[in-house]
PDB file of all heavy atoms in Angstrom:
ATOM      1  N   ASP A   1       9.967   0.845  -3.490  1.00  0.00           N
ATOM      2  CA  ASP A   1      10.722   2.092  -3.274  1.00  0.00           C
ATOM      3  C   ASP A   1       9.887   3.158  -2.585  1.00  0.00           C
ATOM      4  O   ASP A   1      10.008   4.355  -2.884  1.00  0.00           O
ATOM      5  CB  ASP A   1      11.236   2.639  -4.616  1.00  0.00           C
ATOM      6  CG  ASP A   1      12.182   1.678  -5.305  1.00  0.00           C
ATOM      7  OD1 ASP A   1      12.707   0.789  -4.619  1.00  0.00           O
ATOM      8  OD2 ASP A   1      12.389   1.810  -6.520  1.00  0.00           O
ATOM      9  N   PHE A   2       9.037   2.740  -1.647  1.00  0.00           N
ATOM     10  CA  PHE A   2       8.144   3.711  -1.022  1.00  0.00           C
ATOM     11  C   PHE A   2       8.945   4.755  -0.246  1.00  0.00           C
ATOM     12  O   PHE A   2       9.892   4.442   0.466  1.00  0.00           O
ATOM     13  CB  PHE A   2       7.165   3.019  -0.081  1.00  0.00           C
ATOM     14  CG  PHE A   2       6.127   3.939   0.466  1.00  0.00           C
ATOM     15  CD1 PHE A   2       5.079   4.367  -0.322  1.00  0.00           C
ATOM     16  CD2 PHE A   2       6.205   4.400   1.775  1.00  0.00           C
ATOM     17  CE1 PHE A   2       4.112   5.232   0.163  1.00  0.00           C
ATOM     18  CE2 PHE A   2       5.243   5.256   2.272  1.00  0.00           C
ATOM     19  CZ  PHE A   2       4.199   5.677   1.472  1.00  0.00           C
ATOM     20  N   GLY A   3       8.545   6.008  -0.378  1.00  0.00           N
ATOM     21  CA  GLY A   3       9.197   7.104   0.327  1.00  0.00           C
ATOM     22  C   GLY A   3      10.191   7.876  -0.506  1.00  0.00           C
ATOM     23  O   GLY A   3      10.679   8.927  -0.095  1.00  0.00           O
ATOM     24  N   THR A   4      10.510   7.372  -1.707  1.00  0.00           N
ATOM     25  CA  THR A   4      11.516   8.043  -2.537  1.00  0.00           C
ATOM     26  C   THR A   4      10.891   8.934  -3.600  1.00  0.00           C
ATOM     27  O   THR A   4      11.585   9.716  -4.239  1.00  0.00           O
ATOM     28  CB  THR A   4      12.418   7.015  -3.242  1.00  0.00           C
ATOM     29  OG1 THR A   4      11.613   6.195  -4.098  1.00  0.00           O
ATOM     30  CG2 THR A   4      13.122   6.132  -2.225  1.00  0.00           C
ATOM     31  N   GLY A   5       9.602   8.784  -3.832  1.00  0.00           N
ATOM     32  CA  GLY A   5       8.953   9.547  -4.899  1.00  0.00           C
ATOM     33  C   GLY A   5       8.084  10.658  -4.353  1.00  0.00           C
ATOM     34  O   GLY A   5       8.364  11.233  -3.303  1.00  0.00           O
ATOM     35  N   TYR A   6       7.005  10.929  -5.076  1.00  0.00           N
ATOM     36  CA  TYR A   6       6.131  12.023  -4.680  1.00  0.00           C
ATOM     37  C   TYR A   6       4.768  11.459  -4.286  1.00  0.00           C
ATOM     38  O   TYR A   6       3.724  11.892  -4.749  1.00  0.00           O
ATOM     39  CB  TYR A   6       5.982  13.036  -5.818  1.00  0.00           C
ATOM     40  CG  TYR A   6       5.799  12.427  -7.185  1.00  0.00           C
ATOM     41  CD1 TYR A   6       4.527  12.149  -7.692  1.00  0.00           C
ATOM     42  CD2 TYR A   6       6.900  12.113  -7.970  1.00  0.00           C
ATOM     43  CE1 TYR A   6       4.359  11.582  -8.941  1.00  0.00           C
ATOM     44  CE2 TYR A   6       6.741  11.546  -9.225  1.00  0.00           C
ATOM     45  CZ  TYR A   6       5.476  11.289  -9.709  1.00  0.00           C
ATOM     46  OH  TYR A   6       5.315  10.730 -10.954  1.00  0.00           O
ATOM     47  N   SER A   7       4.810  10.451  -3.430  1.00  0.00           N
ATOM     48  CA  SER A   7       3.578   9.762  -3.061  1.00  0.00           C
ATOM     49  C   SER A   7       2.688  10.656  -2.207  1.00  0.00           C
ATOM     50  O   SER A   7       3.148  11.542  -1.501  1.00  0.00           O
ATOM     51  CB  SER A   7       3.904   8.492  -2.285  1.00  0.00           C
ATOM     52  OG  SER A   7       4.654   8.804  -1.140  1.00  0.00           O
ATOM     53  N   SER A   8       1.423  10.390  -2.288  1.00  0.00           N
ATOM     54  CA  SER A   8       0.433  11.089  -1.487  1.00  0.00           C
ATOM     55  C   SER A   8      -0.341  10.046  -0.699  1.00  0.00           C
ATOM     56  O   SER A   8      -0.745   9.021  -1.237  1.00  0.00           O
ATOM     57  CB  SER A   8      -0.521  11.878  -2.392  1.00  0.00           C
ATOM     58  OG  SER A   8      -1.689  12.235  -1.698  1.00  0.00           O
ATOM     59  N   LEU A   9      -0.535  10.302   0.600  1.00  0.00           N
ATOM     60  CA  LEU A   9      -1.258   9.339   1.424  1.00  0.00           C
ATOM     61  C   LEU A   9      -2.697   9.187   0.957  1.00  0.00           C
ATOM     62  O   LEU A   9      -3.296   8.121   1.106  1.00  0.00           O
ATOM     63  CB  LEU A   9      -1.208   9.770   2.887  1.00  0.00           C
ATOM     64  CG  LEU A   9       0.174   9.744   3.538  1.00  0.00           C
ATOM     65  CD1 LEU A   9       0.075  10.148   4.994  1.00  0.00           C
ATOM     66  CD2 LEU A   9       0.822   8.377   3.408  1.00  0.00           C
ATOM     67  N   SER A  10      -3.248  10.244   0.392  1.00  0.00           N
ATOM     68  CA  SER A  10      -4.622  10.150  -0.112  1.00  0.00           C
ATOM     69  C   SER A  10      -4.701   9.171  -1.275  1.00  0.00           C
ATOM     70  O   SER A  10      -5.707   8.477  -1.446  1.00  0.00           O
ATOM     71  CB  SER A  10      -5.119  11.528  -0.558  1.00  0.00           C
ATOM     72  OG  SER A  10      -4.353  12.024  -1.638  1.00  0.00           O
ATOM     73  N   TYR A  11      -3.622   9.094  -2.096  1.00  0.00           N
ATOM     74  CA  TYR A  11      -3.588   8.120  -3.182  1.00  0.00           C
ATOM     75  C   TYR A  11      -3.251   6.725  -2.653  1.00  0.00           C
ATOM     76  O   TYR A  11      -3.786   5.728  -3.130  1.00  0.00           O
ATOM     77  CB  TYR A  11      -2.562   8.525  -4.232  1.00  0.00           C
ATOM     78  CG  TYR A  11      -3.009   9.681  -5.104  1.00  0.00           C
ATOM     79  CD1 TYR A  11      -2.177  10.775  -5.328  1.00  0.00           C
ATOM     80  CD2 TYR A  11      -4.261   9.684  -5.714  1.00  0.00           C
ATOM     81  CE1 TYR A  11      -2.577  11.842  -6.130  1.00  0.00           C
ATOM     82  CE2 TYR A  11      -4.674  10.726  -6.515  1.00  0.00           C
ATOM     83  CZ  TYR A  11      -3.828  11.813  -6.720  1.00  0.00           C
ATOM     84  OH  TYR A  11      -4.238  12.850  -7.507  1.00  0.00           O
ATOM     85  N   LEU A  12      -2.368   6.683  -1.661  1.00  0.00           N
ATOM     86  CA  LEU A  12      -1.933   5.385  -1.143  1.00  0.00           C
ATOM     87  C   LEU A  12      -3.111   4.572  -0.631  1.00  0.00           C
ATOM     88  O   LEU A  12      -3.187   3.363  -0.855  1.00  0.00           O
ATOM     89  CB  LEU A  12      -0.906   5.584  -0.023  1.00  0.00           C
ATOM     90  CG  LEU A  12      -0.355   4.297   0.625  1.00  0.00           C
ATOM     91  CD1 LEU A  12       0.348   3.441  -0.423  1.00  0.00           C
ATOM     92  CD2 LEU A  12       0.589   4.629   1.765  1.00  0.00           C
ATOM     93  N   LYS A  13      -4.040   5.229   0.047  1.00  0.00           N
ATOM     94  CA  LYS A  13      -5.176   4.482   0.586  1.00  0.00           C
ATOM     95  C   LYS A  13      -6.133   4.013  -0.512  1.00  0.00           C
ATOM     96  O   LYS A  13      -6.937   3.106  -0.296  1.00  0.00           O
ATOM     97  CB  LYS A  13      -5.930   5.324   1.618  1.00  0.00           C
ATOM     98  CG  LYS A  13      -6.682   6.506   1.035  1.00  0.00           C
ATOM     99  CD  LYS A  13      -7.411   7.281   2.123  1.00  0.00           C
ATOM    100  CE  LYS A  13      -8.224   8.441   1.537  1.00  0.00           C
ATOM    101  NZ  LYS A  13      -8.934   9.200   2.577  1.00  0.00           N
ATOM    102  N   ARG A  14      -6.020   4.618  -1.711  1.00  0.00           N
ATOM    103  CA  ARG A  14      -6.882   4.219  -2.824  1.00  0.00           C
ATOM    104  C   ARG A  14      -6.266   3.130  -3.692  1.00  0.00           C
ATOM    105  O   ARG A  14      -6.981   2.400  -4.375  1.00  0.00           O
ATOM    106  CB  ARG A  14      -7.196   5.437  -3.709  1.00  0.00           C
ATOM    107  CG  ARG A  14      -8.072   6.485  -3.046  1.00  0.00           C
ATOM    108  CD  ARG A  14      -8.176   7.712  -3.936  1.00  0.00           C
ATOM    109  NE  ARG A  14      -8.618   7.372  -5.291  1.00  0.00           N
ATOM    110  CZ  ARG A  14      -8.410   8.144  -6.356  1.00  0.00           C
ATOM    111  NH1 ARG A  14      -7.745   9.288  -6.225  1.00  0.00           N
ATOM    112  NH2 ARG A  14      -8.848   7.777  -7.539  1.00  0.00           N
ATOM    113  N   ILE A  15      -4.938   3.037  -3.689  1.00  0.00           N
ATOM    114  CA  ILE A  15      -4.264   2.051  -4.544  1.00  0.00           C
ATOM    115  C   ILE A  15      -4.422   0.662  -3.926  1.00  0.00           C
ATOM    116  O   ILE A  15      -4.030   0.443  -2.773  1.00  0.00           O
ATOM    117  CB  ILE A  15      -2.778   2.398  -4.714  1.00  0.00           C
ATOM    118  CG1 ILE A  15      -2.626   3.774  -5.372  1.00  0.00           C
ATOM    119  CG2 ILE A  15      -2.066   1.347  -5.548  1.00  0.00           C
ATOM    120  CD1 ILE A  15      -1.198   4.257  -5.465  1.00  0.00           C
ATOM    121  N   PRO A  16      -4.975  -0.296  -4.635  1.00  0.00           N
ATOM    122  CA  PRO A  16      -5.286  -1.619  -4.064  1.00  0.00           C
ATOM    123  C   PRO A  16      -4.071  -2.534  -3.986  1.00  0.00           C
ATOM    124  O   PRO A  16      -3.940  -3.504  -4.732  1.00  0.00           O
ATOM    125  CB  PRO A  16      -6.338  -2.162  -5.036  1.00  0.00           C
ATOM    126  CG  PRO A  16      -5.965  -1.555  -6.351  1.00  0.00           C
ATOM    127  CD  PRO A  16      -5.453  -0.175  -6.031  1.00  0.00           C
ATOM    128  N   ILE A  17      -3.156  -2.215  -3.068  1.00  0.00           N
ATOM    129  CA  ILE A  17      -1.934  -3.005  -2.932  1.00  0.00           C
ATOM    130  C   ILE A  17      -2.017  -3.879  -1.683  1.00  0.00           C
ATOM    131  O   ILE A  17      -2.860  -3.683  -0.812  1.00  0.00           O
ATOM    132  CB  ILE A  17      -0.686  -2.098  -2.857  1.00  0.00           C
ATOM    133  CG1 ILE A  17      -0.855  -1.071  -1.727  1.00  0.00           C
ATOM    134  CG2 ILE A  17      -0.440  -1.415  -4.181  1.00  0.00           C
ATOM    135  CD1 ILE A  17       0.368  -0.217  -1.496  1.00  0.00           C
ATOM    136  N   HIS A  18      -1.107  -4.857  -1.613  1.00  0.00           N
ATOM    137  CA  HIS A  18      -1.039  -5.756  -0.465  1.00  0.00           C
ATOM    138  C   HIS A  18       0.156  -5.443   0.433  1.00  0.00           C
ATOM    139  O   HIS A  18       0.120  -5.741   1.626  1.00  0.00           O
ATOM    140  CB  HIS A  18      -0.932  -7.211  -0.936  1.00  0.00           C
ATOM    141  CG  HIS A  18      -2.098  -7.677  -1.738  1.00  0.00           C
ATOM    142  ND1 HIS A  18      -2.183  -7.477  -3.110  1.00  0.00           N
ATOM    143  CD2 HIS A  18      -3.245  -8.315  -1.376  1.00  0.00           C
ATOM    144  CE1 HIS A  18      -3.325  -7.990  -3.549  1.00  0.00           C
ATOM    145  NE2 HIS A  18      -3.988  -8.502  -2.527  1.00  0.00           N
ATOM    146  N   SER A  19       1.227  -4.892  -0.140  1.00  0.00           N
ATOM    147  CA  SER A  19       2.427  -4.637   0.656  1.00  0.00           C
ATOM    148  C   SER A  19       3.147  -3.378   0.195  1.00  0.00           C
ATOM    149  O   SER A  19       2.970  -2.921  -0.944  1.00  0.00           O
ATOM    150  CB  SER A  19       3.380  -5.840   0.583  1.00  0.00           C
ATOM    151  OG  SER A  19       3.788  -6.077  -0.748  1.00  0.00           O
ATOM    152  N   VAL A  20       3.948  -2.837   1.109  1.00  0.00           N
ATOM    153  CA  VAL A  20       4.750  -1.640   0.853  1.00  0.00           C
ATOM    154  C   VAL A  20       6.207  -1.981   1.144  1.00  0.00           C
ATOM    155  O   VAL A  20       6.522  -2.538   2.198  1.00  0.00           O
ATOM    156  CB  VAL A  20       4.303  -0.468   1.757  1.00  0.00           C
ATOM    157  CG1 VAL A  20       5.252   0.709   1.605  1.00  0.00           C
ATOM    158  CG2 VAL A  20       2.881  -0.041   1.427  1.00  0.00           C
ATOM    159  N   LYS A  21       7.084  -1.661   0.203  1.00  0.00           N
ATOM    160  CA  LYS A  21       8.506  -1.952   0.368  1.00  0.00           C
ATOM    161  C   LYS A  21       9.253  -0.667   0.743  1.00  0.00           C
ATOM    162  O   LYS A  21       9.140   0.347   0.061  1.00  0.00           O
ATOM    163  CB  LYS A  21       9.082  -2.567  -0.905  1.00  0.00           C
ATOM    164  CG  LYS A  21       8.366  -3.843  -1.323  1.00  0.00           C
ATOM    165  CD  LYS A  21       9.016  -4.520  -2.510  1.00  0.00           C
ATOM    166  CE  LYS A  21      10.239  -5.301  -2.085  1.00  0.00           C
ATOM    167  NZ  LYS A  21      10.761  -6.130  -3.196  1.00  0.00           N
ATOM    168  N   ILE A  22       9.996  -0.734   1.836  1.00  0.00           N
ATOM    169  CA  ILE A  22      10.783   0.408   2.307  1.00  0.00           C
ATOM    170  C   ILE A  22      12.083   0.429   1.523  1.00  0.00           C
ATOM    171  O   ILE A  22      12.849  -0.542   1.535  1.00  0.00           O
ATOM    172  CB  ILE A  22      11.073   0.298   3.808  1.00  0.00           C
ATOM    173  CG1 ILE A  22       9.778   0.042   4.582  1.00  0.00           C
ATOM    174  CG2 ILE A  22      11.755   1.568   4.312  1.00  0.00           C
ATOM    175  CD1 ILE A  22      10.008  -0.358   6.028  1.00  0.00           C
ATOM    176  N   ASP A  23      12.356   1.535   0.855  1.00  0.00           N
ATOM    177  CA  ASP A  23      13.525   1.626  -0.012  1.00  0.00           C
ATOM    178  C   ASP A  23      14.825   1.417   0.775  1.00  0.00           C
ATOM    179  O   ASP A  23      14.954   1.854   1.931  1.00  0.00           O
ATOM    180  CB  ASP A  23      13.551   2.994  -0.693  1.00  0.00           C
ATOM    181  CG  ASP A  23      14.656   3.075  -1.734  1.00  0.00           C
ATOM    182  OD1 ASP A  23      14.540   2.410  -2.779  1.00  0.00           O
ATOM    183  OD2 ASP A  23      15.648   3.796  -1.485  1.00  0.00           O
ATOM    184  N   ARG A  24      15.787   0.769   0.130  1.00  0.00           N
ATOM    185  CA  ARG A  24      17.058   0.451   0.781  1.00  0.00           C
ATOM    186  C   ARG A  24      17.807   1.697   1.253  1.00  0.00           C
ATOM    187  O   ARG A  24      18.623   1.636   2.173  1.00  0.00           O
ATOM    188  CB  ARG A  24      17.944  -0.366  -0.154  1.00  0.00           C
ATOM    189  CG  ARG A  24      18.455   0.385  -1.366  1.00  0.00           C
ATOM    190  CD  ARG A  24      19.325  -0.492  -2.260  1.00  0.00           C
ATOM    191  NE  ARG A  24      18.601  -1.633  -2.768  1.00  0.00           N
ATOM    192  CZ  ARG A  24      18.882  -2.888  -2.426  1.00  0.00           C
ATOM    193  NH1 ARG A  24      19.864  -3.147  -1.582  1.00  0.00           N
ATOM    194  NH2 ARG A  24      18.179  -3.874  -2.937  1.00  0.00           N
ATOM    195  N   SER A  25      17.544   2.844   0.619  1.00  0.00           N
ATOM    196  CA  SER A  25      18.238   4.070   1.021  1.00  0.00           C
ATOM    197  C   SER A  25      17.910   4.469   2.458  1.00  0.00           C
ATOM    198  O   SER A  25      18.692   5.170   3.107  1.00  0.00           O
ATOM    199  CB  SER A  25      17.885   5.211   0.067  1.00  0.00           C
ATOM    200  OG  SER A  25      16.498   5.502   0.110  1.00  0.00           O
ATOM    201  N   PHE A  26      16.762   4.020   2.982  1.00  0.00           N
ATOM    202  CA  PHE A  26      16.402   4.314   4.365  1.00  0.00           C
ATOM    203  C   PHE A  26      16.859   3.213   5.317  1.00  0.00           C
ATOM    204  O   PHE A  26      16.871   3.408   6.533  1.00  0.00           O
ATOM    205  CB  PHE A  26      14.881   4.487   4.491  1.00  0.00           C
ATOM    206  CG  PHE A  26      14.319   5.551   3.601  1.00  0.00           C
ATOM    207  CD1 PHE A  26      13.341   5.249   2.672  1.00  0.00           C
ATOM    208  CD2 PHE A  26      14.794   6.852   3.663  1.00  0.00           C
ATOM    209  CE1 PHE A  26      12.821   6.230   1.831  1.00  0.00           C
ATOM    210  CE2 PHE A  26      14.286   7.838   2.832  1.00  0.00           C
ATOM    211  CZ  PHE A  26      13.301   7.525   1.909  1.00  0.00           C
ATOM    212  N   ILE A  27      17.207   2.049   4.763  1.00  0.00           N
ATOM    213  CA  ILE A  27      17.612   0.921   5.604  1.00  0.00           C
ATOM    214  C   ILE A  27      19.113   0.949   5.885  1.00  0.00           C
ATOM    215  O   ILE A  27      19.556   0.574   6.974  1.00  0.00           O
ATOM    216  CB  ILE A  27      17.241  -0.414   4.920  1.00  0.00           C
ATOM    217  CG1 ILE A  27      15.725  -0.481   4.667  1.00  0.00           C
ATOM    218  CG2 ILE A  27      17.689  -1.601   5.764  1.00  0.00           C
ATOM    219  CD1 ILE A  27      14.874  -0.370   5.914  1.00  0.00           C
ATOM    220  N   THR A  28      19.909   1.417   4.931  1.00  0.00           N
ATOM    221  CA  THR A  28      21.372   1.370   5.057  1.00  0.00           C
ATOM    222  C   THR A  28      21.855   1.987   6.362  1.00  0.00           C
ATOM    223  O   THR A  28      22.703   1.417   7.062  1.00  0.00           O
ATOM    224  CB  THR A  28      22.024   2.092   3.863  1.00  0.00           C
ATOM    225  OG1 THR A  28      21.617   1.449   2.651  1.00  0.00           O
ATOM    226  CG2 THR A  28      23.536   2.055   3.978  1.00  0.00           C
ATOM    227  N   ASP A  29      21.345   3.158   6.713  1.00  0.00           N
ATOM    228  CA  ASP A  29      21.782   3.852   7.923  1.00  0.00           C
ATOM    229  C   ASP A  29      20.701   3.901   8.994  1.00  0.00           C
ATOM    230  O   ASP A  29      20.674   4.823   9.816  1.00  0.00           O
ATOM    231  CB  ASP A  29      22.228   5.279   7.571  1.00  0.00           C
ATOM    232  CG  ASP A  29      23.498   5.302   6.745  1.00  0.00           C
ATOM    233  OD1 ASP A  29      24.391   4.477   7.021  1.00  0.00           O
ATOM    234  OD2 ASP A  29      23.602   6.130   5.828  1.00  0.00           O
ATOM    235  N   ILE A  30      19.823   2.912   9.003  1.00  0.00           N
ATOM    236  CA  ILE A  30      18.681   2.962   9.911  1.00  0.00           C
ATOM    237  C   ILE A  30      19.107   2.947  11.374  1.00  0.00           C
ATOM    238  O   ILE A  30      18.397   3.464  12.248  1.00  0.00           O
ATOM    239  CB  ILE A  30      17.708   1.793   9.610  1.00  0.00           C
ATOM    240  CG1 ILE A  30      16.343   2.055  10.251  1.00  0.00           C
ATOM    241  CG2 ILE A  30      18.274   0.463  10.055  1.00  0.00           C
ATOM    242  CD1 ILE A  30      15.279   1.059   9.849  1.00  0.00           C
ATOM    243  N   THR A  31      20.273   2.378  11.689  1.00  0.00           N
ATOM    244  CA  THR A  31      20.746   2.343  13.071  1.00  0.00           C
ATOM    245  C   THR A  31      21.695   3.494  13.392  1.00  0.00           C
ATOM    246  O   THR A  31      22.184   3.595  14.521  1.00  0.00           O
ATOM    247  CB  THR A  31      21.467   1.015  13.381  1.00  0.00           C
ATOM    248  OG1 THR A  31      22.577   0.862  12.486  1.00  0.00           O
ATOM    249  CG2 THR A  31      20.515  -0.165  13.222  1.00  0.00           C
ATOM    250  N   ARG A  32      21.960   4.362  12.396  1.00  0.00           N
ATOM    251  CA  ARG A  32      22.884   5.478  12.618  1.00  0.00           C
ATOM    252  C   ARG A  32      22.271   6.834  12.320  1.00  0.00           C
ATOM    253  O   ARG A  32      22.776   7.859  12.772  1.00  0.00           O
ATOM    254  CB  ARG A  32      24.136   5.302  11.746  1.00  0.00           C
ATOM    255  CG  ARG A  32      24.943   4.052  12.055  1.00  0.00           C
ATOM    256  CD  ARG A  32      26.280   4.073  11.338  1.00  0.00           C
ATOM    257  NE  ARG A  32      26.124   4.015   9.894  1.00  0.00           N
ATOM    258  CZ  ARG A  32      26.109   2.882   9.204  1.00  0.00           C
ATOM    259  NH1 ARG A  32      26.214   1.726   9.830  1.00  0.00           N
ATOM    260  NH2 ARG A  32      25.981   2.892   7.894  1.00  0.00           N
ATOM    261  N   SER A  33      21.206   6.871  11.546  1.00  0.00           N
ATOM    262  CA  SER A  33      20.592   8.131  11.129  1.00  0.00           C
ATOM    263  C   SER A  33      19.182   8.244  11.683  1.00  0.00           C
ATOM    264  O   SER A  33      18.316   7.417  11.366  1.00  0.00           O
ATOM    265  CB  SER A  33      20.556   8.222   9.594  1.00  0.00           C
ATOM    266  OG  SER A  33      19.684   9.240   9.170  1.00  0.00           O
ATOM    267  N   VAL A  34      18.946   9.268  12.507  1.00  0.00           N
ATOM    268  CA  VAL A  34      17.606   9.442  13.060  1.00  0.00           C
ATOM    269  C   VAL A  34      16.602   9.748  11.968  1.00  0.00           C
ATOM    270  O   VAL A  34      15.436   9.339  12.048  1.00  0.00           O
ATOM    271  CB  VAL A  34      17.607  10.557  14.135  1.00  0.00           C
ATOM    272  CG1 VAL A  34      17.959  11.906  13.553  1.00  0.00           C
ATOM    273  CG2 VAL A  34      16.264  10.608  14.838  1.00  0.00           C
ATOM    274  N   GLU A  35      17.039  10.447  10.907  1.00  0.00           N
ATOM    275  CA  GLU A  35      16.129  10.769   9.807  1.00  0.00           C
ATOM    276  C   GLU A  35      15.677   9.502   9.084  1.00  0.00           C
ATOM    277  O   GLU A  35      14.475   9.307   8.832  1.00  0.00           O
ATOM    278  CB  GLU A  35      16.797  11.729   8.820  1.00  0.00           C
ATOM    279  CG  GLU A  35      17.067  13.124   9.369  1.00  0.00           C
ATOM    280  CD  GLU A  35      18.373  13.210  10.138  1.00  0.00           C
ATOM    281  OE1 GLU A  35      19.087  12.166  10.219  1.00  0.00           O
ATOM    282  OE2 GLU A  35      18.682  14.292  10.660  1.00  0.00           O
ATOM    283  N   ASP A  36      16.646   8.621   8.750  1.00  0.00           N
ATOM    284  CA  ASP A  36      16.293   7.385   8.056  1.00  0.00           C
ATOM    285  C   ASP A  36      15.428   6.484   8.933  1.00  0.00           C
ATOM    286  O   ASP A  36      14.458   5.865   8.459  1.00  0.00           O
ATOM    287  CB  ASP A  36      17.556   6.636   7.626  1.00  0.00           C
ATOM    288  CG  ASP A  36      18.278   7.334   6.488  1.00  0.00           C
ATOM    289  OD1 ASP A  36      17.684   8.240   5.880  1.00  0.00           O
ATOM    290  OD2 ASP A  36      19.441   6.988   6.206  1.00  0.00           O
ATOM    291  N   ALA A  37      15.772   6.401  10.221  1.00  0.00           N
ATOM    292  CA  ALA A  37      14.997   5.580  11.136  1.00  0.00           C
ATOM    293  C   ALA A  37      13.569   6.101  11.256  1.00  0.00           C
ATOM    294  O   ALA A  37      12.601   5.325  11.247  1.00  0.00           O
ATOM    295  CB  ALA A  37      15.663   5.551  12.511  1.00  0.00           C
ATOM    296  N   THR A  38      13.425   7.412  11.327  1.00  0.00           N
ATOM    297  CA  THR A  38      12.088   8.008  11.454  1.00  0.00           C
ATOM    298  C   THR A  38      11.234   7.699  10.236  1.00  0.00           C
ATOM    299  O   THR A  38      10.057   7.339  10.352  1.00  0.00           O
ATOM    300  CB  THR A  38      12.206   9.532  11.642  1.00  0.00           C
ATOM    301  OG1 THR A  38      12.949   9.800  12.830  1.00  0.00           O
ATOM    302  CG2 THR A  38      10.830  10.171  11.746  1.00  0.00           C
ATOM    303  N   ILE A  39      11.834   7.825   9.034  1.00  0.00           N
ATOM    304  CA  ILE A  39      11.076   7.545   7.811  1.00  0.00           C
ATOM    305  C   ILE A  39      10.688   6.074   7.742  1.00  0.00           C
ATOM    306  O   ILE A  39       9.540   5.730   7.437  1.00  0.00           O
ATOM    307  CB  ILE A  39      11.899   7.949   6.572  1.00  0.00           C
ATOM    308  CG1 ILE A  39      12.080   9.473   6.528  1.00  0.00           C
ATOM    309  CG2 ILE A  39      11.224   7.462   5.287  1.00  0.00           C
ATOM    310  CD1 ILE A  39      13.037   9.957   5.461  1.00  0.00           C
ATOM    311  N   ALA A  40      11.648   5.188   8.046  1.00  0.00           N
ATOM    312  CA  ALA A  40      11.354   3.751   7.994  1.00  0.00           C
ATOM    313  C   ALA A  40      10.240   3.380   8.976  1.00  0.00           C
ATOM    314  O   ALA A  40       9.315   2.627   8.634  1.00  0.00           O
ATOM    315  CB  ALA A  40      12.612   2.953   8.299  1.00  0.00           C
ATOM    316  N   LEU A  41      10.301   3.914  10.189  1.00  0.00           N
ATOM    317  CA  LEU A  41       9.276   3.609  11.186  1.00  0.00           C
ATOM    318  C   LEU A  41       7.926   4.182  10.787  1.00  0.00           C
ATOM    319  O   LEU A  41       6.876   3.571  11.058  1.00  0.00           O
ATOM    320  CB  LEU A  41       9.690   4.148  12.557  1.00  0.00           C
ATOM    321  CG  LEU A  41      10.958   3.542  13.170  1.00  0.00           C
ATOM    322  CD1 LEU A  41      11.140   4.020  14.605  1.00  0.00           C
ATOM    323  CD2 LEU A  41      10.922   2.026  13.122  1.00  0.00           C
ATOM    324  N   ALA A  42       7.942   5.342  10.135  1.00  0.00           N
ATOM    325  CA  ALA A  42       6.684   5.933   9.665  1.00  0.00           C
ATOM    326  C   ALA A  42       6.040   5.052   8.598  1.00  0.00           C
ATOM    327  O   ALA A  42       4.814   4.852   8.606  1.00  0.00           O
ATOM    328  CB  ALA A  42       6.939   7.333   9.119  1.00  0.00           C
ATOM    329  N   VAL A  43       6.858   4.511   7.676  1.00  0.00           N
ATOM    330  CA  VAL A  43       6.323   3.628   6.631  1.00  0.00           C
ATOM    331  C   VAL A  43       5.735   2.365   7.254  1.00  0.00           C
ATOM    332  O   VAL A  43       4.646   1.905   6.871  1.00  0.00           O
ATOM    333  CB  VAL A  43       7.420   3.269   5.604  1.00  0.00           C
ATOM    334  CG1 VAL A  43       6.891   2.251   4.603  1.00  0.00           C
ATOM    335  CG2 VAL A  43       7.917   4.514   4.886  1.00  0.00           C
ATOM    336  N   ILE A  44       6.445   1.801   8.239  1.00  0.00           N
ATOM    337  CA  ILE A  44       5.933   0.604   8.918  1.00  0.00           C
ATOM    338  C   ILE A  44       4.597   0.904   9.596  1.00  0.00           C
ATOM    339  O   ILE A  44       3.642   0.123   9.503  1.00  0.00           O
ATOM    340  CB  ILE A  44       6.964   0.101   9.957  1.00  0.00           C
ATOM    341  CG1 ILE A  44       8.227  -0.404   9.240  1.00  0.00           C
ATOM    342  CG2 ILE A  44       6.359  -1.007  10.820  1.00  0.00           C
ATOM    343  CD1 ILE A  44       9.385  -0.700  10.178  1.00  0.00           C
TER     344      ILE A  44
END
């Protein structure tokens, strides 16, 4: 659910994870909403 909480990039680089999941709320309208598309592309 990345992008839906109060994440901090400074913490993200410290958390020893392998993958980041883009929340479905940004995918549903990714081809119709510039805001959702921008957030999804930023996460990628």
